[in-house]
Amino acid sequence: MPHRLALAATLAGSLLFALSSAPARADSDDYSHCNVPLSDWKPRAAVEEALQAKGWTVQSIRSDDGCYKVKVTTETGEKRRMKLNPETLEPVDEAD
């Protein structure tokens, strides 16, 4: 019986150590850079205008995780998806 208690205590201590020493895991999609008050968001028309100025055709614009999420086709026909900061309209994440 004392052997089992010692084993349980050792296992519990090892688990506690492993959990406390593990680095904090953040989601791979950190959108804190899109933490912009709604009053500071540029309108969707400005997003479309900025993308068209690059020669891109806008397929869709929506909000997602506090960012604008856009799907575009580039002037070379490449399809791209990206997230834009709603205040600066700078890309913050891009996925193919």
PDB file of N, CA and C in Angstrom:
ATOM      1  N   MET A   1       0.810  -1.199   0.000  1.00  0.00           N
ATOM      2  CA  MET A   1       0.000   0.000   0.000  1.00  0.00           C
ATOM      3  C   MET A   1       0.854   1.265   0.000  1.00  0.00           C
ATOM      4  N   PRO A   2       1.868   1.387   0.858  1.00  0.00           N
ATOM      5  CA  PRO A   2       2.703   2.594   0.826  1.00  0.00           C
ATOM      6  C   PRO A   2       3.408   2.761  -0.516  1.00  0.00           C
ATOM      7  N   HIS A   3       3.740   1.629  -1.152  1.00  0.00           N
ATOM      8  CA  HIS A   3       4.404   1.696  -2.450  1.00  0.00           C
ATOM      9  C   HIS A   3       3.480   2.335  -3.502  1.00  0.00           C
ATOM     10  N   ARG A   4       2.204   1.959  -3.485  1.00  0.00           N
ATOM     11  CA  ARG A   4       1.236   2.524  -4.427  1.00  0.00           C
ATOM     12  C   ARG A   4       1.036   4.017  -4.176  1.00  0.00           C
ATOM     13  N   LEU A   5       0.999   4.410  -2.924  1.00  0.00           N
ATOM     14  CA  LEU A   5       0.833   5.821  -2.570  1.00  0.00           C
ATOM     15  C   LEU A   5       2.033   6.636  -3.053  1.00  0.00           C
ATOM     16  N   ALA A   6       3.221   6.095  -2.905  1.00  0.00           N
ATOM     17  CA  ALA A   6       4.428   6.785  -3.364  1.00  0.00           C
ATOM     18  C   ALA A   6       4.433   6.881  -4.887  1.00  0.00           C
ATOM     19  N   LEU A   7       4.004   5.808  -5.552  1.00  0.00           N
ATOM     20  CA  LEU A   7       3.950   5.820  -7.012  1.00  0.00           C
ATOM     21  C   LEU A   7       2.940   6.856  -7.501  1.00  0.00           C
ATOM     22  N   ALA A   8       1.777   6.907  -6.864  1.00  0.00           N
ATOM     23  CA  ALA A   8       0.751   7.877  -7.242  1.00  0.00           C
ATOM     24  C   ALA A   8       1.251   9.304  -7.017  1.00  0.00           C
ATOM     25  N   ALA A   9       1.937   9.533  -5.915  1.00  0.00           N
ATOM     26  CA  ALA A   9       2.472  10.861  -5.621  1.00  0.00           C
ATOM     27  C   ALA A   9       3.540  11.259  -6.633  1.00  0.00           C
ATOM     28  N   THR A  10       4.370  10.305  -7.013  1.00  0.00           N
ATOM     29  CA  THR A  10       5.417  10.566  -8.008  1.00  0.00           C
ATOM     30  C   THR A  10       4.803  10.907  -9.359  1.00  0.00           C
ATOM     31  N   LEU A  11       3.803  10.126  -9.755  1.00  0.00           N
ATOM     32  CA  LEU A  11       3.129  10.385 -11.025  1.00  0.00           C
ATOM     33  C   LEU A  11       2.428  11.740 -11.014  1.00  0.00           C
ATOM     34  N   ALA A  12       1.766  12.053  -9.927  1.00  0.00           N
ATOM     35  CA  ALA A  12       1.069  13.338  -9.824  1.00  0.00           C
ATOM     36  C   ALA A  12       2.080  14.488  -9.873  1.00  0.00           C
ATOM     37  N   GLY A  13       3.189  14.328  -9.188  1.00  0.00           N
ATOM     38  CA  GLY A  13       4.221  15.364  -9.203  1.00  0.00           C
ATOM     39  C   GLY A  13       4.826  15.535 -10.585  1.00  0.00           C
ATOM     40  N   SER A  14       5.055  14.421 -11.270  1.00  0.00           N
ATOM     41  CA  SER A  14       5.606  14.483 -12.628  1.00  0.00           C
ATOM     42  C   SER A  14       4.639  15.173 -13.575  1.00  0.00           C
ATOM     43  N   LEU A  15       3.365  14.849 -13.446  1.00  0.00           N
ATOM     44  CA  LEU A  15       2.352  15.478 -14.287  1.00  0.00           C
ATOM     45  C   LEU A  15       2.278  16.978 -14.013  1.00  0.00           C
ATOM     46  N   LEU A  16       2.281  17.343 -12.748  1.00  0.00           N
ATOM     47  CA  LEU A  16       2.242  18.758 -12.385  1.00  0.00           C
ATOM     48  C   LEU A  16       3.465  19.492 -12.923  1.00  0.00           C
ATOM     49  N   PHE A  17       4.625  18.880 -12.818  1.00  0.00           N
ATOM     50  CA  PHE A  17       5.844  19.496 -13.345  1.00  0.00           C
ATOM     51  C   PHE A  17       5.766  19.660 -14.858  1.00  0.00           C
ATOM     52  N   ALA A  18       5.300  18.613 -15.543  1.00  0.00           N
ATOM     53  CA  ALA A  18       5.216  18.667 -17.008  1.00  0.00           C
ATOM     54  C   ALA A  18       4.255  19.754 -17.461  1.00  0.00           C
ATOM     55  N   LEU A  19       3.138  19.879 -16.789  1.00  0.00           N
ATOM     56  CA  LEU A  19       2.162  20.891 -17.178  1.00  0.00           C
ATOM     57  C   LEU A  19       2.638  22.305 -16.866  1.00  0.00           C
ATOM     58  N   SER A  20       3.338  22.462 -15.765  1.00  0.00           N
ATOM     59  CA  SER A  20       3.777  23.810 -15.395  1.00  0.00           C
ATOM     60  C   SER A  20       4.990  24.264 -16.195  1.00  0.00           C
ATOM     61  N   SER A  21       5.787  23.329 -16.697  1.00  0.00           N
ATOM     62  CA  SER A  21       6.980  23.714 -17.437  1.00  0.00           C
ATOM     63  C   SER A  21       6.723  23.817 -18.934  1.00  0.00           C
ATOM     64  N   ALA A  22       5.573  23.358 -19.385  1.00  0.00           N
ATOM     65  CA  ALA A  22       5.261  23.444 -20.815  1.00  0.00           C
ATOM     66  C   ALA A  22       4.994  24.892 -21.190  1.00  0.00           C
ATOM     67  N   PRO A  23       5.484  25.320 -22.333  1.00  0.00           N
ATOM     68  CA  PRO A  23       5.224  26.702 -22.733  1.00  0.00           C
ATOM     69  C   PRO A  23       3.741  26.896 -23.004  1.00  0.00           C
ATOM     70  N   ALA A  24       3.287  28.089 -22.742  1.00  0.00           N
ATOM     71  CA  ALA A  24       1.889  28.404 -23.011  1.00  0.00           C
ATOM     72  C   ALA A  24       1.674  28.337 -24.508  1.00  0.00           C
ATOM     73  N   ARG A  25       0.658  27.628 -24.925  1.00  0.00           N
ATOM     74  CA  ARG A  25       0.385  27.472 -26.353  1.00  0.00           C
ATOM     75  C   ARG A  25      -0.697  28.449 -26.760  1.00  0.00           C
ATOM     76  N   ALA A  26      -0.355  29.291 -27.663  1.00  0.00           N
ATOM     77  CA  ALA A  26      -1.349  30.196 -28.227  1.00  0.00           C
ATOM     78  C   ALA A  26      -1.822  29.600 -29.541  1.00  0.00           C
ATOM     79  N   ASP A  27      -3.013  29.971 -29.950  1.00  0.00           N
ATOM     80  CA  ASP A  27      -3.478  29.532 -31.257  1.00  0.00           C
ATOM     81  C   ASP A  27      -2.515  30.026 -32.308  1.00  0.00           C
ATOM     82  N   SER A  28      -2.360  29.258 -33.371  1.00  0.00           N
ATOM     83  CA  SER A  28      -1.449  29.658 -34.435  1.00  0.00           C
ATOM     84  C   SER A  28      -1.970  30.904 -35.154  1.00  0.00           C
ATOM     85  N   ASP A  29      -3.254  31.183 -35.018  1.00  0.00           N
ATOM     86  CA  ASP A  29      -3.840  32.364 -35.638  1.00  0.00           C
ATOM     87  C   ASP A  29      -4.000  33.443 -34.588  1.00  0.00           C
ATOM     88  N   ASP A  30      -2.985  34.269 -34.434  1.00  0.00           N
ATOM     89  CA  ASP A  30      -3.035  35.346 -33.454  1.00  0.00           C
ATOM     90  C   ASP A  30      -3.515  36.605 -34.153  1.00  0.00           C
ATOM     91  N   TYR A  31      -4.765  36.983 -33.893  1.00  0.00           N
ATOM     92  CA  TYR A  31      -5.342  38.127 -34.575  1.00  0.00           C
ATOM     93  C   TYR A  31      -5.449  39.337 -33.656  1.00  0.00           C
ATOM     94  N   SER A  32      -4.573  39.395 -32.639  1.00  0.00           N
ATOM     95  CA  SER A  32      -4.619  40.544 -31.745  1.00  0.00           C
ATOM     96  C   SER A  32      -4.295  41.823 -32.512  1.00  0.00           C
ATOM     97  N   HIS A  33      -3.585  41.706 -33.633  1.00  0.00           N
ATOM     98  CA  HIS A  33      -3.264  42.869 -34.437  1.00  0.00           C
ATOM     99  C   HIS A  33      -4.498  43.407 -35.153  1.00  0.00           C
ATOM    100  N   CYS A  34      -5.608  42.692 -35.072  1.00  0.00           N
ATOM    101  CA  CYS A  34      -6.867  43.166 -35.645  1.00  0.00           C
ATOM    102  C   CYS A  34      -7.814  43.634 -34.553  1.00  0.00           C
ATOM    103  N   ASN A  35      -7.294  43.877 -33.393  1.00  0.00           N
ATOM    104  CA  ASN A  35      -8.110  44.335 -32.285  1.00  0.00           C
ATOM    105  C   ASN A  35      -8.359  45.831 -32.451  1.00  0.00           C
ATOM    106  N   VAL A  36      -9.253  46.164 -33.372  1.00  0.00           N
ATOM    107  CA  VAL A  36      -9.524  47.547 -33.744  1.00  0.00           C
ATOM    108  C   VAL A  36     -10.986  47.844 -33.443  1.00  0.00           C
ATOM    109  N   PRO A  37     -11.267  48.962 -32.764  1.00  0.00           N
ATOM    110  CA  PRO A  37     -12.667  49.310 -32.517  1.00  0.00           C
ATOM    111  C   PRO A  37     -13.417  49.471 -33.837  1.00  0.00           C
ATOM    112  N   LEU A  38     -14.661  49.063 -33.851  1.00  0.00           N
ATOM    113  CA  LEU A  38     -15.468  49.118 -35.057  1.00  0.00           C
ATOM    114  C   LEU A  38     -15.531  50.525 -35.636  1.00  0.00           C
ATOM    115  N   SER A  39     -15.488  51.527 -34.784  1.00  0.00           N
ATOM    116  CA  SER A  39     -15.541  52.916 -35.261  1.00  0.00           C
ATOM    117  C   SER A  39     -14.317  53.305 -36.082  1.00  0.00           C
ATOM    118  N   ASP A  40     -13.218  52.530 -35.952  1.00  0.00           N
ATOM    119  CA  ASP A  40     -11.985  52.826 -36.694  1.00  0.00           C
ATOM    120  C   ASP A  40     -11.830  51.986 -37.956  1.00  0.00           C
ATOM    121  N   TRP A  41     -12.777  51.107 -38.218  1.00  0.00           N
ATOM    122  CA  TRP A  41     -12.704  50.266 -39.415  1.00  0.00           C
ATOM    123  C   TRP A  41     -12.935  51.110 -40.660  1.00  0.00           C
ATOM    124  N   LYS A  42     -12.157  50.839 -41.692  1.00  0.00           N
ATOM    125  CA  LYS A  42     -12.420  51.463 -42.990  1.00  0.00           C
ATOM    126  C   LYS A  42     -13.617  50.733 -43.601  1.00  0.00           C
ATOM    127  N   PRO A  43     -14.419  51.435 -44.384  1.00  0.00           N
ATOM    128  CA  PRO A  43     -15.588  50.774 -44.984  1.00  0.00           C
ATOM    129  C   PRO A  43     -15.185  49.720 -46.020  1.00  0.00           C
ATOM    130  N   ARG A  44     -16.096  48.797 -46.280  1.00  0.00           N
ATOM    131  CA  ARG A  44     -15.840  47.729 -47.254  1.00  0.00           C
ATOM    132  C   ARG A  44     -15.502  48.298 -48.626  1.00  0.00           C
ATOM    133  N   ALA A  45     -16.116  49.434 -48.971  1.00  0.00           N
ATOM    134  CA  ALA A  45     -15.822  50.061 -50.267  1.00  0.00           C
ATOM    135  C   ALA A  45     -14.349  50.453 -50.353  1.00  0.00           C
ATOM    136  N   ALA A  46     -13.768  50.893 -49.238  1.00  0.00           N
ATOM    137  CA  ALA A  46     -12.350  51.256 -49.222  1.00  0.00           C
ATOM    138  C   ALA A  46     -11.469  50.014 -49.383  1.00  0.00           C
ATOM    139  N   VAL A  47     -11.905  48.905 -48.808  1.00  0.00           N
ATOM    140  CA  VAL A  47     -11.165  47.647 -48.956  1.00  0.00           C
ATOM    141  C   VAL A  47     -11.160  47.242 -50.426  1.00  0.00           C
ATOM    142  N   GLU A  48     -12.345  47.260 -51.026  1.00  0.00           N
ATOM    143  CA  GLU A  48     -12.457  46.874 -52.438  1.00  0.00           C
ATOM    144  C   GLU A  48     -11.636  47.801 -53.329  1.00  0.00           C
ATOM    145  N   GLU A  49     -11.684  49.091 -53.042  1.00  0.00           N
ATOM    146  CA  GLU A  49     -10.928  50.065 -53.837  1.00  0.00           C
ATOM    147  C   GLU A  49      -9.422  49.819 -53.727  1.00  0.00           C
ATOM    148  N   ALA A  50      -8.951  49.550 -52.510  1.00  0.00           N
ATOM    149  CA  ALA A  50      -7.517  49.308 -52.303  1.00  0.00           C
ATOM    150  C   ALA A  50      -7.052  48.048 -53.037  1.00  0.00           C
ATOM    151  N   LEU A  51      -7.883  47.017 -53.026  1.00  0.00           N
ATOM    152  CA  LEU A  51      -7.509  45.779 -53.704  1.00  0.00           C
ATOM    153  C   LEU A  51      -7.564  45.936 -55.222  1.00  0.00           C
ATOM    154  N   GLN A  52      -8.559  46.654 -55.706  1.00  0.00           N
ATOM    155  CA  GLN A  52      -8.660  46.893 -57.149  1.00  0.00           C
ATOM    156  C   GLN A  52      -7.510  47.773 -57.639  1.00  0.00           C
ATOM    157  N   ALA A  53      -7.009  48.654 -56.779  1.00  0.00           N
ATOM    158  CA  ALA A  53      -5.873  49.498 -57.152  1.00  0.00           C
ATOM    159  C   ALA A  53      -4.620  48.658 -57.402  1.00  0.00           C
ATOM    160  N   LYS A  54      -4.564  47.468 -56.816  1.00  0.00           N
ATOM    161  CA  LYS A  54      -3.448  46.545 -57.057  1.00  0.00           C
ATOM    162  C   LYS A  54      -3.672  45.720 -58.323  1.00  0.00           C
ATOM    163  N   GLY A  55      -4.824  45.922 -58.958  1.00  0.00           N
ATOM    164  CA  GLY A  55      -5.134  45.160 -60.150  1.00  0.00           C
ATOM    165  C   GLY A  55      -5.827  43.846 -59.851  1.00  0.00           C
ATOM    166  N   TRP A  56      -6.333  43.701 -58.628  1.00  0.00           N
ATOM    167  CA  TRP A  56      -6.963  42.466 -58.214  1.00  0.00           C
ATOM    168  C   TRP A  56      -8.475  42.543 -58.375  1.00  0.00           C
ATOM    169  N   THR A  57      -9.083  41.405 -58.648  1.00  0.00           N
ATOM    170  CA  THR A  57     -10.532  41.292 -58.706  1.00  0.00           C
ATOM    171  C   THR A  57     -11.008  40.714 -57.378  1.00  0.00           C
ATOM    172  N   VAL A  58     -11.907  41.413 -56.727  1.00  0.00           N
ATOM    173  CA  VAL A  58     -12.396  40.994 -55.413  1.00  0.00           C
ATOM    174  C   VAL A  58     -13.505  39.958 -55.591  1.00  0.00           C
ATOM    175  N   GLN A  59     -13.315  38.814 -54.971  1.00  0.00           N
ATOM    176  CA  GLN A  59     -14.326  37.754 -54.991  1.00  0.00           C
ATOM    177  C   GLN A  59     -15.264  37.878 -53.792  1.00  0.00           C
ATOM    178  N   SER A  60     -14.692  38.150 -52.611  1.00  0.00           N
ATOM    179  CA  SER A  60     -15.522  38.309 -51.415  1.00  0.00           C
ATOM    180  C   SER A  60     -14.767  39.103 -50.358  1.00  0.00           C
ATOM    181  N   ILE A  61     -15.549  39.776 -49.524  1.00  0.00           N
ATOM    182  CA  ILE A  61     -15.028  40.503 -48.366  1.00  0.00           C
ATOM    183  C   ILE A  61     -15.977  40.182 -47.217  1.00  0.00           C
ATOM    184  N   ARG A  62     -15.396  39.759 -46.093  1.00  0.00           N
ATOM    185  CA  ARG A  62     -16.205  39.551 -44.896  1.00  0.00           C
ATOM    186  C   ARG A  62     -15.350  39.805 -43.679  1.00  0.00           C
ATOM    187  N   SER A  63     -15.981  39.906 -42.536  1.00  0.00           N
ATOM    188  CA  SER A  63     -15.211  40.086 -41.304  1.00  0.00           C
ATOM    189  C   SER A  63     -15.029  38.736 -40.640  1.00  0.00           C
ATOM    190  N   ASP A  64     -13.864  38.547 -40.036  1.00  0.00           N
ATOM    191  CA  ASP A  64     -13.544  37.289 -39.383  1.00  0.00           C
ATOM    192  C   ASP A  64     -12.471  37.547 -38.337  1.00  0.00           C
ATOM    193  N   ASP A  65     -12.728  37.187 -37.105  1.00  0.00           N
ATOM    194  CA  ASP A  65     -11.764  37.352 -36.008  1.00  0.00           C
ATOM    195  C   ASP A  65     -11.292  38.794 -35.867  1.00  0.00           C
ATOM    196  N   GLY A  66     -12.157  39.746 -36.131  1.00  0.00           N
ATOM    197  CA  GLY A  66     -11.788  41.145 -35.987  1.00  0.00           C
ATOM    198  C   GLY A  66     -11.027  41.714 -37.161  1.00  0.00           C
ATOM    199  N   CYS A  67     -10.864  40.932 -38.214  1.00  0.00           N
ATOM    200  CA  CYS A  67     -10.160  41.369 -39.421  1.00  0.00           C
ATOM    201  C   CYS A  67     -11.117  41.311 -40.604  1.00  0.00           C
ATOM    202  N   TYR A  68     -10.722  41.951 -41.692  1.00  0.00           N
ATOM    203  CA  TYR A  68     -11.390  41.706 -42.958  1.00  0.00           C
ATOM    204  C   TYR A  68     -10.767  40.453 -43.550  1.00  0.00           C
ATOM    205  N   LYS A  69     -11.588  39.537 -44.016  1.00  0.00           N
ATOM    206  CA  LYS A  69     -11.104  38.346 -44.711  1.00  0.00           C
ATOM    207  C   LYS A  69     -11.529  38.504 -46.158  1.00  0.00           C
ATOM    208  N   VAL A  70     -10.555  38.476 -47.068  1.00  0.00           N
ATOM    209  CA  VAL A  70     -10.856  38.717 -48.477  1.00  0.00           C
ATOM    210  C   VAL A  70     -10.379  37.555 -49.333  1.00  0.00           C
ATOM    211  N   LYS A  71     -11.102  37.349 -50.429  1.00  0.00           N
ATOM    212  CA  LYS A  71     -10.692  36.409 -51.472  1.00  0.00           C
ATOM    213  C   LYS A  71     -10.578  37.239 -52.735  1.00  0.00           C
ATOM    214  N   VAL A  72      -9.425  37.128 -53.397  1.00  0.00           N
ATOM    215  CA  VAL A  72      -9.181  37.914 -54.600  1.00  0.00           C
ATOM    216  C   VAL A  72      -8.566  37.040 -55.680  1.00  0.00           C
ATOM    217  N   THR A  73      -8.628  37.553 -56.882  1.00  0.00           N
ATOM    218  CA  THR A  73      -7.886  36.982 -57.997  1.00  0.00           C
ATOM    219  C   THR A  73      -6.916  38.063 -58.452  1.00  0.00           C
ATOM    220  N   THR A  74      -5.633  37.720 -58.507  1.00  0.00           N
ATOM    221  CA  THR A  74      -4.617  38.707 -58.876  1.00  0.00           C
ATOM    222  C   THR A  74      -4.660  38.966 -60.373  1.00  0.00           C
ATOM    223  N   GLU A  75      -3.886  39.951 -60.800  1.00  0.00           N
ATOM    224  CA  GLU A  75      -3.835  40.287 -62.227  1.00  0.00           C
ATOM    225  C   GLU A  75      -3.289  39.145 -63.076  1.00  0.00           C
ATOM    226  N   THR A  76      -2.567  38.205 -62.443  1.00  0.00           N
ATOM    227  CA  THR A  76      -2.037  37.045 -63.172  1.00  0.00           C
ATOM    228  C   THR A  76      -2.969  35.832 -63.094  1.00  0.00           C
ATOM    229  N   GLY A  77      -4.134  36.007 -62.437  1.00  0.00           N
ATOM    230  CA  GLY A  77      -5.100  34.928 -62.330  1.00  0.00           C
ATOM    231  C   GLY A  77      -4.946  34.050 -61.103  1.00  0.00           C
ATOM    232  N   GLU A  78      -3.992  34.376 -60.245  1.00  0.00           N
ATOM    233  CA  GLU A  78      -3.775  33.607 -59.021  1.00  0.00           C
ATOM    234  C   GLU A  78      -4.870  33.931 -58.005  1.00  0.00           C
ATOM    235  N   LYS A  79      -5.448  32.898 -57.404  1.00  0.00           N
ATOM    236  CA  LYS A  79      -6.459  33.099 -56.364  1.00  0.00           C
ATOM    237  C   LYS A  79      -5.752  33.197 -55.014  1.00  0.00           C
ATOM    238  N   ARG A  80      -6.112  34.213 -54.246  1.00  0.00           N
ATOM    239  CA  ARG A  80      -5.482  34.426 -52.942  1.00  0.00           C
ATOM    240  C   ARG A  80      -6.551  34.717 -51.907  1.00  0.00           C
ATOM    241  N   ARG A  81      -6.258  34.287 -50.684  1.00  0.00           N
ATOM    242  CA  ARG A  81      -7.091  34.604 -49.526  1.00  0.00           C
ATOM    243  C   ARG A  81      -6.193  35.246 -48.495  1.00  0.00           C
ATOM    244  N   MET A  82      -6.689  36.286 -47.853  1.00  0.00           N
ATOM    245  CA  MET A  82      -5.884  36.939 -46.825  1.00  0.00           C
ATOM    246  C   MET A  82      -6.766  37.669 -45.837  1.00  0.00           C
ATOM    247  N   LYS A  83      -6.172  37.983 -44.711  1.00  0.00           N
ATOM    248  CA  LYS A  83      -6.844  38.802 -43.712  1.00  0.00           C
ATOM    249  C   LYS A  83      -6.141  40.154 -43.685  1.00  0.00           C
ATOM    250  N   LEU A  84      -6.960  41.189 -43.558  1.00  0.00           N
ATOM    251  CA  LEU A  84      -6.451  42.556 -43.544  1.00  0.00           C
ATOM    252  C   LEU A  84      -6.815  43.233 -42.243  1.00  0.00           C
ATOM    253  N   ASN A  85      -5.893  44.044 -41.746  1.00  0.00           N
ATOM    254  CA  ASN A  85      -6.198  44.887 -40.602  1.00  0.00           C
ATOM    255  C   ASN A  85      -7.277  45.876 -41.041  1.00  0.00           C
ATOM    256  N   PRO A  86      -8.396  45.975 -40.336  1.00  0.00           N
ATOM    257  CA  PRO A  86      -9.505  46.810 -40.798  1.00  0.00           C
ATOM    258  C   PRO A  86      -9.238  48.308 -40.716  1.00  0.00           C
ATOM    259  N   GLU A  87      -8.209  48.704 -39.988  1.00  0.00           N
ATOM    260  CA  GLU A  87      -7.883  50.128 -39.881  1.00  0.00           C
ATOM    261  C   GLU A  87      -6.850  50.545 -40.919  1.00  0.00           C
ATOM    262  N   THR A  88      -5.845  49.696 -41.128  1.00  0.00           N
ATOM    263  CA  THR A  88      -4.749  50.047 -42.038  1.00  0.00           C
ATOM    264  C   THR A  88      -4.884  49.381 -43.410  1.00  0.00           C
ATOM    265  N   LEU A  89      -5.697  48.345 -43.474  1.00  0.00           N
ATOM    266  CA  LEU A  89      -5.879  47.518 -44.682  1.00  0.00           C
ATOM    267  C   LEU A  89      -4.598  46.799 -45.089  1.00  0.00           C
ATOM    268  N   GLU A  90      -3.669  46.661 -44.153  1.00  0.00           N
ATOM    269  CA  GLU A  90      -2.441  45.902 -44.376  1.00  0.00           C
ATOM    270  C   GLU A  90      -2.716  44.425 -44.142  1.00  0.00           C
ATOM    271  N   PRO A  91      -2.102  43.539 -44.932  1.00  0.00           N
ATOM    272  CA  PRO A  91      -2.281  42.117 -44.710  1.00  0.00           C
ATOM    273  C   PRO A  91      -1.706  41.683 -43.352  1.00  0.00           C
ATOM    274  N   VAL A  92      -2.433  40.856 -42.652  1.00  0.00           N
ATOM    275  CA  VAL A  92      -1.952  40.319 -41.373  1.00  0.00           C
ATOM    276  C   VAL A  92      -1.825  38.804 -41.426  1.00  0.00           C
ATOM    277  N   ASP A  93      -2.431  38.195 -42.422  1.00  0.00           N
ATOM    278  CA  ASP A  93      -2.349  36.757 -42.577  1.00  0.00           C
ATOM    279  C   ASP A  93      -2.745  36.425 -43.998  1.00  0.00           C
ATOM    280  N   GLU A  94      -2.048  35.477 -44.575  1.00  0.00           N
ATOM    281  CA  GLU A  94      -2.371  35.094 -45.945  1.00  0.00           C
ATOM    282  C   GLU A  94      -2.321  33.583 -46.038  1.00  0.00           C
ATOM    283  N   ALA A  95      -3.309  33.025 -46.680  1.00  0.00           N
ATOM    284  CA  ALA A  95      -3.361  31.570 -46.894  1.00  0.00           C
ATOM    285  C   ALA A  95      -3.644  31.309 -48.366  1.00  0.00           C
ATOM    286  N   ASP A  96      -2.946  30.320 -48.899  1.00  0.00           N
ATOM    287  CA  ASP A  96      -3.178  29.965 -50.301  1.00  0.00           C
ATOM    288  C   ASP A  96      -4.331  29.023 -50.452  1.00  0.00           C
TER     289      ASP A  96
END
